[in-house]
Amino acid sequence: MFGAFVDKVVHNVAHRLNTATLKLGLRQYLVYFQSPKKTKNLGYWLWLRDTKVETRAGQQVLVTSQHWYGSDSTSYRMVYLVNRMSDFAPIYHAENVAGKNRA
């Protein structure tokens, strides 16, 4: 990948994630890849990520909804995450891949 990637969660010296550097809101990414064995094929995903801060059970949480779109409907996937804002510890994770739900 070329260029600066500034929309990230930074791992700090105390071995905890610094979620203050994460940009909230809707972000779009074009992710592409190419296999060395199939140089005439190019795989790609359009990745939409919506991130917001909410208060649940008295604590701030980071709620992330991700949608991955590929070249056909069978490659679609959805991921829903809830993480504790203070240290990014997971609270809930659900995903739908190829029409199958997992939580």
N, C-alpha and C. Protein backbone atom coordinates (compact mmCIF):
# COMPACT_ATOMS: atom_id res chain seq x y z
N MET A 1 0.84 -1.16 0.00
CA MET A 1 0.00 0.00 0.00
C MET A 1 0.90 1.23 0.00
N PHE A 2 0.54 2.23 -0.80
CA PHE A 2 1.34 3.43 -0.92
C PHE A 2 0.69 4.56 -0.16
N GLY A 3 1.48 5.52 0.26
CA GLY A 3 0.97 6.71 0.94
C GLY A 3 0.85 6.50 2.43
N ALA A 4 0.53 7.59 3.10
CA ALA A 4 0.41 7.55 4.56
C ALA A 4 -0.94 7.00 4.96
N PHE A 5 -0.96 6.17 5.95
CA PHE A 5 -2.20 5.62 6.49
C PHE A 5 -2.39 6.23 7.86
N VAL A 6 -3.24 7.26 7.96
CA VAL A 6 -3.35 8.02 9.20
C VAL A 6 -4.57 7.65 10.02
N ASP A 7 -5.47 6.86 9.49
CA ASP A 7 -6.70 6.50 10.19
C ASP A 7 -6.49 5.15 10.87
N LYS A 8 -5.90 5.17 12.05
CA LYS A 8 -5.55 3.92 12.70
C LYS A 8 -5.60 4.08 14.21
N VAL A 9 -5.60 2.96 14.89
CA VAL A 9 -5.50 2.95 16.35
C VAL A 9 -4.04 2.69 16.67
N VAL A 10 -3.44 3.56 17.47
CA VAL A 10 -2.01 3.49 17.74
C VAL A 10 -1.74 2.70 19.02
N HIS A 11 -0.78 1.79 18.94
CA HIS A 11 -0.35 1.00 20.10
C HIS A 11 0.72 1.82 20.82
N ASN A 12 0.47 2.19 22.06
CA ASN A 12 1.43 3.06 22.75
C ASN A 12 2.39 2.26 23.63
N VAL A 13 3.26 2.94 24.30
CA VAL A 13 4.33 2.33 25.08
C VAL A 13 3.79 1.45 26.21
N ALA A 14 2.66 1.82 26.78
CA ALA A 14 2.10 1.07 27.90
C ALA A 14 1.39 -0.21 27.44
N HIS A 15 1.54 -0.58 26.18
CA HIS A 15 0.94 -1.78 25.61
C HIS A 15 -0.58 -1.74 25.64
N ARG A 16 -1.13 -0.56 25.58
CA ARG A 16 -2.57 -0.38 25.47
C ARG A 16 -2.83 0.41 24.20
N LEU A 17 -3.95 0.20 23.59
CA LEU A 17 -4.28 0.92 22.37
C LEU A 17 -4.76 2.32 22.69
N ASN A 18 -4.32 3.28 21.92
CA ASN A 18 -4.72 4.66 22.09
C ASN A 18 -5.85 4.95 21.12
N THR A 19 -7.09 4.81 21.56
CA THR A 19 -8.24 5.00 20.68
C THR A 19 -8.52 6.47 20.39
N ALA A 20 -7.85 7.39 21.08
CA ALA A 20 -8.06 8.82 20.85
C ALA A 20 -7.62 9.23 19.44
N THR A 21 -6.76 8.46 18.80
CA THR A 21 -6.27 8.82 17.46
C THR A 21 -7.19 8.31 16.35
N LEU A 22 -8.18 7.53 16.68
CA LEU A 22 -9.07 6.98 15.67
C LEU A 22 -10.07 8.04 15.21
N LYS A 23 -10.20 8.20 13.91
CA LYS A 23 -11.16 9.16 13.35
C LYS A 23 -12.53 8.50 13.29
N LEU A 24 -13.52 9.15 13.90
CA LEU A 24 -14.88 8.61 13.93
C LEU A 24 -15.62 8.96 12.65
N GLY A 25 -16.74 8.29 12.43
CA GLY A 25 -17.57 8.56 11.27
C GLY A 25 -17.40 7.52 10.19
N LEU A 26 -17.99 7.80 9.05
CA LEU A 26 -17.96 6.87 7.92
C LEU A 26 -16.68 7.07 7.11
N ARG A 27 -15.99 5.98 6.87
CA ARG A 27 -14.77 5.98 6.06
C ARG A 27 -14.92 4.91 4.98
N GLN A 28 -14.30 5.17 3.82
CA GLN A 28 -14.32 4.22 2.72
C GLN A 28 -12.89 3.89 2.31
N TYR A 29 -12.66 2.63 1.99
CA TYR A 29 -11.35 2.18 1.57
C TYR A 29 -11.51 1.27 0.36
N LEU A 30 -10.62 1.39 -0.58
CA LEU A 30 -10.56 0.44 -1.68
C LEU A 30 -9.36 -0.46 -1.40
N VAL A 31 -9.64 -1.73 -1.17
CA VAL A 31 -8.60 -2.70 -0.84
C VAL A 31 -8.43 -3.60 -2.06
N TYR A 32 -7.23 -3.72 -2.55
CA TYR A 32 -7.01 -4.58 -3.72
C TYR A 32 -5.81 -5.47 -3.49
N PHE A 33 -5.79 -6.57 -4.20
CA PHE A 33 -4.71 -7.54 -4.05
C PHE A 33 -4.53 -8.30 -5.35
N GLN A 34 -3.34 -8.83 -5.53
CA GLN A 34 -3.03 -9.60 -6.72
C GLN A 34 -2.13 -10.76 -6.32
N SER A 35 -2.47 -11.93 -6.77
CA SER A 35 -1.68 -13.11 -6.48
C SER A 35 -0.52 -13.20 -7.48
N PRO A 36 0.68 -13.50 -6.98
CA PRO A 36 1.82 -13.66 -7.90
C PRO A 36 1.58 -14.77 -8.93
N LYS A 37 0.75 -15.75 -8.59
CA LYS A 37 0.47 -16.86 -9.51
C LYS A 37 -0.59 -16.50 -10.56
N LYS A 38 -1.38 -15.45 -10.30
CA LYS A 38 -2.43 -15.04 -11.23
C LYS A 38 -2.28 -13.56 -11.54
N THR A 39 -1.24 -13.23 -12.27
CA THR A 39 -0.89 -11.83 -12.50
C THR A 39 -1.91 -11.07 -13.37
N LYS A 40 -2.78 -11.78 -14.05
CA LYS A 40 -3.79 -11.11 -14.88
C LYS A 40 -5.11 -10.91 -14.14
N ASN A 41 -5.18 -11.34 -12.89
CA ASN A 41 -6.37 -11.15 -12.06
C ASN A 41 -6.09 -10.12 -10.98
N LEU A 42 -7.09 -9.30 -10.70
CA LEU A 42 -6.98 -8.31 -9.62
C LEU A 42 -8.21 -8.45 -8.74
N GLY A 43 -8.01 -8.80 -7.48
CA GLY A 43 -9.11 -8.88 -6.53
C GLY A 43 -9.26 -7.56 -5.82
N TYR A 44 -10.49 -7.23 -5.46
CA TYR A 44 -10.70 -5.97 -4.76
C TYR A 44 -11.91 -6.05 -3.84
N TRP A 45 -11.92 -5.17 -2.86
CA TRP A 45 -13.04 -4.97 -1.94
C TRP A 45 -13.25 -3.47 -1.78
N LEU A 46 -14.49 -3.07 -1.66
CA LEU A 46 -14.81 -1.73 -1.19
C LEU A 46 -15.22 -1.90 0.26
N TRP A 47 -14.49 -1.28 1.17
CA TRP A 47 -14.70 -1.45 2.60
C TRP A 47 -15.26 -0.16 3.16
N LEU A 48 -16.45 -0.22 3.74
CA LEU A 48 -17.06 0.92 4.42
C LEU A 48 -17.03 0.66 5.90
N ARG A 49 -16.54 1.62 6.67
CA ARG A 49 -16.46 1.47 8.11
C ARG A 49 -17.07 2.70 8.77
N ASP A 50 -18.09 2.49 9.61
CA ASP A 50 -18.73 3.56 10.34
C ASP A 50 -18.43 3.36 11.82
N THR A 51 -17.79 4.33 12.45
CA THR A 51 -17.35 4.22 13.83
C THR A 51 -17.93 5.36 14.64
N LYS A 52 -18.47 5.05 15.83
CA LYS A 52 -19.01 6.09 16.71
C LYS A 52 -18.79 5.68 18.16
N VAL A 53 -18.86 6.67 19.04
CA VAL A 53 -18.72 6.45 20.47
C VAL A 53 -20.11 6.51 21.09
N GLU A 54 -20.43 5.52 21.94
CA GLU A 54 -21.69 5.48 22.66
C GLU A 54 -21.42 5.18 24.12
N THR A 55 -22.41 5.42 24.96
CA THR A 55 -22.32 5.04 26.36
C THR A 55 -23.27 3.87 26.59
N ARG A 56 -22.74 2.77 27.08
CA ARG A 56 -23.53 1.58 27.38
C ARG A 56 -23.14 1.09 28.76
N ALA A 57 -24.14 0.85 29.58
CA ALA A 57 -23.92 0.38 30.95
C ALA A 57 -22.94 1.29 31.69
N GLY A 58 -23.02 2.59 31.43
CA GLY A 58 -22.20 3.55 32.13
C GLY A 58 -20.77 3.69 31.66
N GLN A 59 -20.38 2.99 30.60
CA GLN A 59 -19.02 3.12 30.09
C GLN A 59 -19.03 3.50 28.62
N GLN A 60 -18.01 4.23 28.21
CA GLN A 60 -17.90 4.61 26.81
C GLN A 60 -17.41 3.41 25.99
N VAL A 61 -18.09 3.19 24.87
CA VAL A 61 -17.70 2.10 23.99
C VAL A 61 -17.55 2.63 22.57
N LEU A 62 -16.75 1.95 21.79
CA LEU A 62 -16.55 2.24 20.39
C LEU A 62 -17.39 1.23 19.60
N VAL A 63 -18.35 1.71 18.83
CA VAL A 63 -19.22 0.86 18.03
C VAL A 63 -18.81 1.00 16.57
N THR A 64 -18.48 -0.13 15.96
CA THR A 64 -18.00 -0.12 14.58
C THR A 64 -18.85 -1.06 13.74
N SER A 65 -19.33 -0.54 12.63
CA SER A 65 -20.07 -1.34 11.65
C SER A 65 -19.27 -1.32 10.36
N GLN A 66 -18.96 -2.51 9.84
CA GLN A 66 -18.16 -2.60 8.62
C GLN A 66 -18.94 -3.37 7.55
N HIS A 67 -18.82 -2.92 6.32
CA HIS A 67 -19.43 -3.61 5.18
C HIS A 67 -18.35 -3.77 4.12
N TRP A 68 -18.17 -5.00 3.66
CA TRP A 68 -17.19 -5.32 2.63
C TRP A 68 -17.95 -5.74 1.37
N TYR A 69 -17.70 -5.03 0.28
CA TYR A 69 -18.33 -5.33 -1.00
C TYR A 69 -17.27 -5.78 -1.98
N GLY A 70 -17.52 -6.90 -2.62
CA GLY A 70 -16.58 -7.43 -3.61
C GLY A 70 -17.19 -7.42 -4.99
N SER A 71 -16.64 -8.22 -5.87
CA SER A 71 -17.07 -8.22 -7.27
C SER A 71 -18.42 -8.91 -7.49
N ASP A 72 -18.89 -9.70 -6.51
CA ASP A 72 -20.23 -10.28 -6.62
C ASP A 72 -20.85 -10.38 -5.22
N SER A 73 -22.14 -10.68 -5.15
CA SER A 73 -22.86 -10.66 -3.88
C SER A 73 -22.37 -11.74 -2.91
N THR A 74 -21.76 -12.80 -3.41
CA THR A 74 -21.28 -13.85 -2.50
C THR A 74 -20.05 -13.41 -1.71
N SER A 75 -19.40 -12.35 -2.14
CA SER A 75 -18.22 -11.89 -1.41
C SER A 75 -18.56 -10.83 -0.35
N TYR A 76 -19.84 -10.45 -0.26
CA TYR A 76 -20.24 -9.45 0.74
C TYR A 76 -20.07 -9.99 2.15
N ARG A 77 -19.59 -9.13 3.05
CA ARG A 77 -19.51 -9.48 4.46
C ARG A 77 -19.83 -8.25 5.30
N MET A 78 -20.41 -8.48 6.47
CA MET A 78 -20.76 -7.42 7.40
C MET A 78 -20.18 -7.79 8.75
N VAL A 79 -19.58 -6.81 9.43
CA VAL A 79 -19.01 -7.03 10.75
C VAL A 79 -19.51 -5.92 11.67
N TYR A 80 -19.94 -6.30 12.88
CA TYR A 80 -20.41 -5.34 13.89
C TYR A 80 -19.61 -5.57 15.16
N LEU A 81 -18.96 -4.53 15.66
CA LEU A 81 -18.06 -4.65 16.81
C LEU A 81 -18.42 -3.64 17.88
N VAL A 82 -18.30 -4.04 19.13
CA VAL A 82 -18.40 -3.13 20.26
C VAL A 82 -17.16 -3.36 21.11
N ASN A 83 -16.38 -2.29 21.31
CA ASN A 83 -15.14 -2.37 22.09
C ASN A 83 -15.16 -1.32 23.19
N ARG A 84 -14.54 -1.65 24.31
CA ARG A 84 -14.41 -0.68 25.39
C ARG A 84 -13.50 0.44 24.90
N MET A 85 -13.91 1.67 25.08
CA MET A 85 -13.15 2.82 24.57
C MET A 85 -11.82 2.99 25.29
N SER A 86 -11.76 2.67 26.56
CA SER A 86 -10.55 2.92 27.35
C SER A 86 -9.34 2.11 26.88
N ASP A 87 -9.56 0.88 26.43
CA ASP A 87 -8.42 0.04 26.04
C ASP A 87 -8.70 -0.86 24.83
N PHE A 88 -9.82 -0.64 24.17
CA PHE A 88 -10.20 -1.36 22.95
C PHE A 88 -10.50 -2.84 23.22
N ALA A 89 -10.73 -3.22 24.46
CA ALA A 89 -11.07 -4.61 24.78
C ALA A 89 -12.41 -4.96 24.14
N PRO A 90 -12.53 -6.14 23.54
CA PRO A 90 -13.78 -6.51 22.87
C PRO A 90 -14.91 -6.78 23.87
N ILE A 91 -16.10 -6.30 23.53
CA ILE A 91 -17.32 -6.57 24.30
C ILE A 91 -18.26 -7.45 23.49
N TYR A 92 -18.37 -7.16 22.18
CA TYR A 92 -19.27 -7.93 21.31
C TYR A 92 -18.71 -7.92 19.90
N HIS A 93 -18.90 -9.05 19.21
CA HIS A 93 -18.46 -9.19 17.82
C HIS A 93 -19.48 -10.05 17.09
N ALA A 94 -19.98 -9.56 15.97
CA ALA A 94 -20.88 -10.35 15.13
C ALA A 94 -20.48 -10.13 13.67
N GLU A 95 -20.65 -11.16 12.87
CA GLU A 95 -20.34 -11.02 11.46
C GLU A 95 -21.26 -11.89 10.61
N ASN A 96 -21.40 -11.48 9.38
CA ASN A 96 -22.15 -12.23 8.39
C ASN A 96 -21.23 -12.38 7.19
N VAL A 97 -20.87 -13.64 6.92
CA VAL A 97 -20.00 -13.95 5.79
C VAL A 97 -20.70 -14.99 4.95
N ALA A 98 -20.85 -14.71 3.68
CA ALA A 98 -21.50 -15.63 2.74
C ALA A 98 -22.89 -16.06 3.24
N GLY A 99 -23.61 -15.11 3.85
CA GLY A 99 -24.97 -15.38 4.31
C GLY A 99 -25.08 -16.12 5.63
N LYS A 100 -23.96 -16.37 6.29
CA LYS A 100 -23.97 -17.09 7.56
C LYS A 100 -23.62 -16.13 8.69
N ASN A 101 -24.49 -16.06 9.71
CA ASN A 101 -24.27 -15.20 10.86
C ASN A 101 -23.42 -15.89 11.91
N ARG A 102 -22.50 -15.13 12.50
CA ARG A 102 -21.69 -15.61 13.62
C ARG A 102 -21.59 -14.49 14.64
N ALA A 103 -21.70 -14.86 15.90
CA ALA A 103 -21.57 -13.84 16.96
C ALA A 103 -20.69 -14.39 18.06
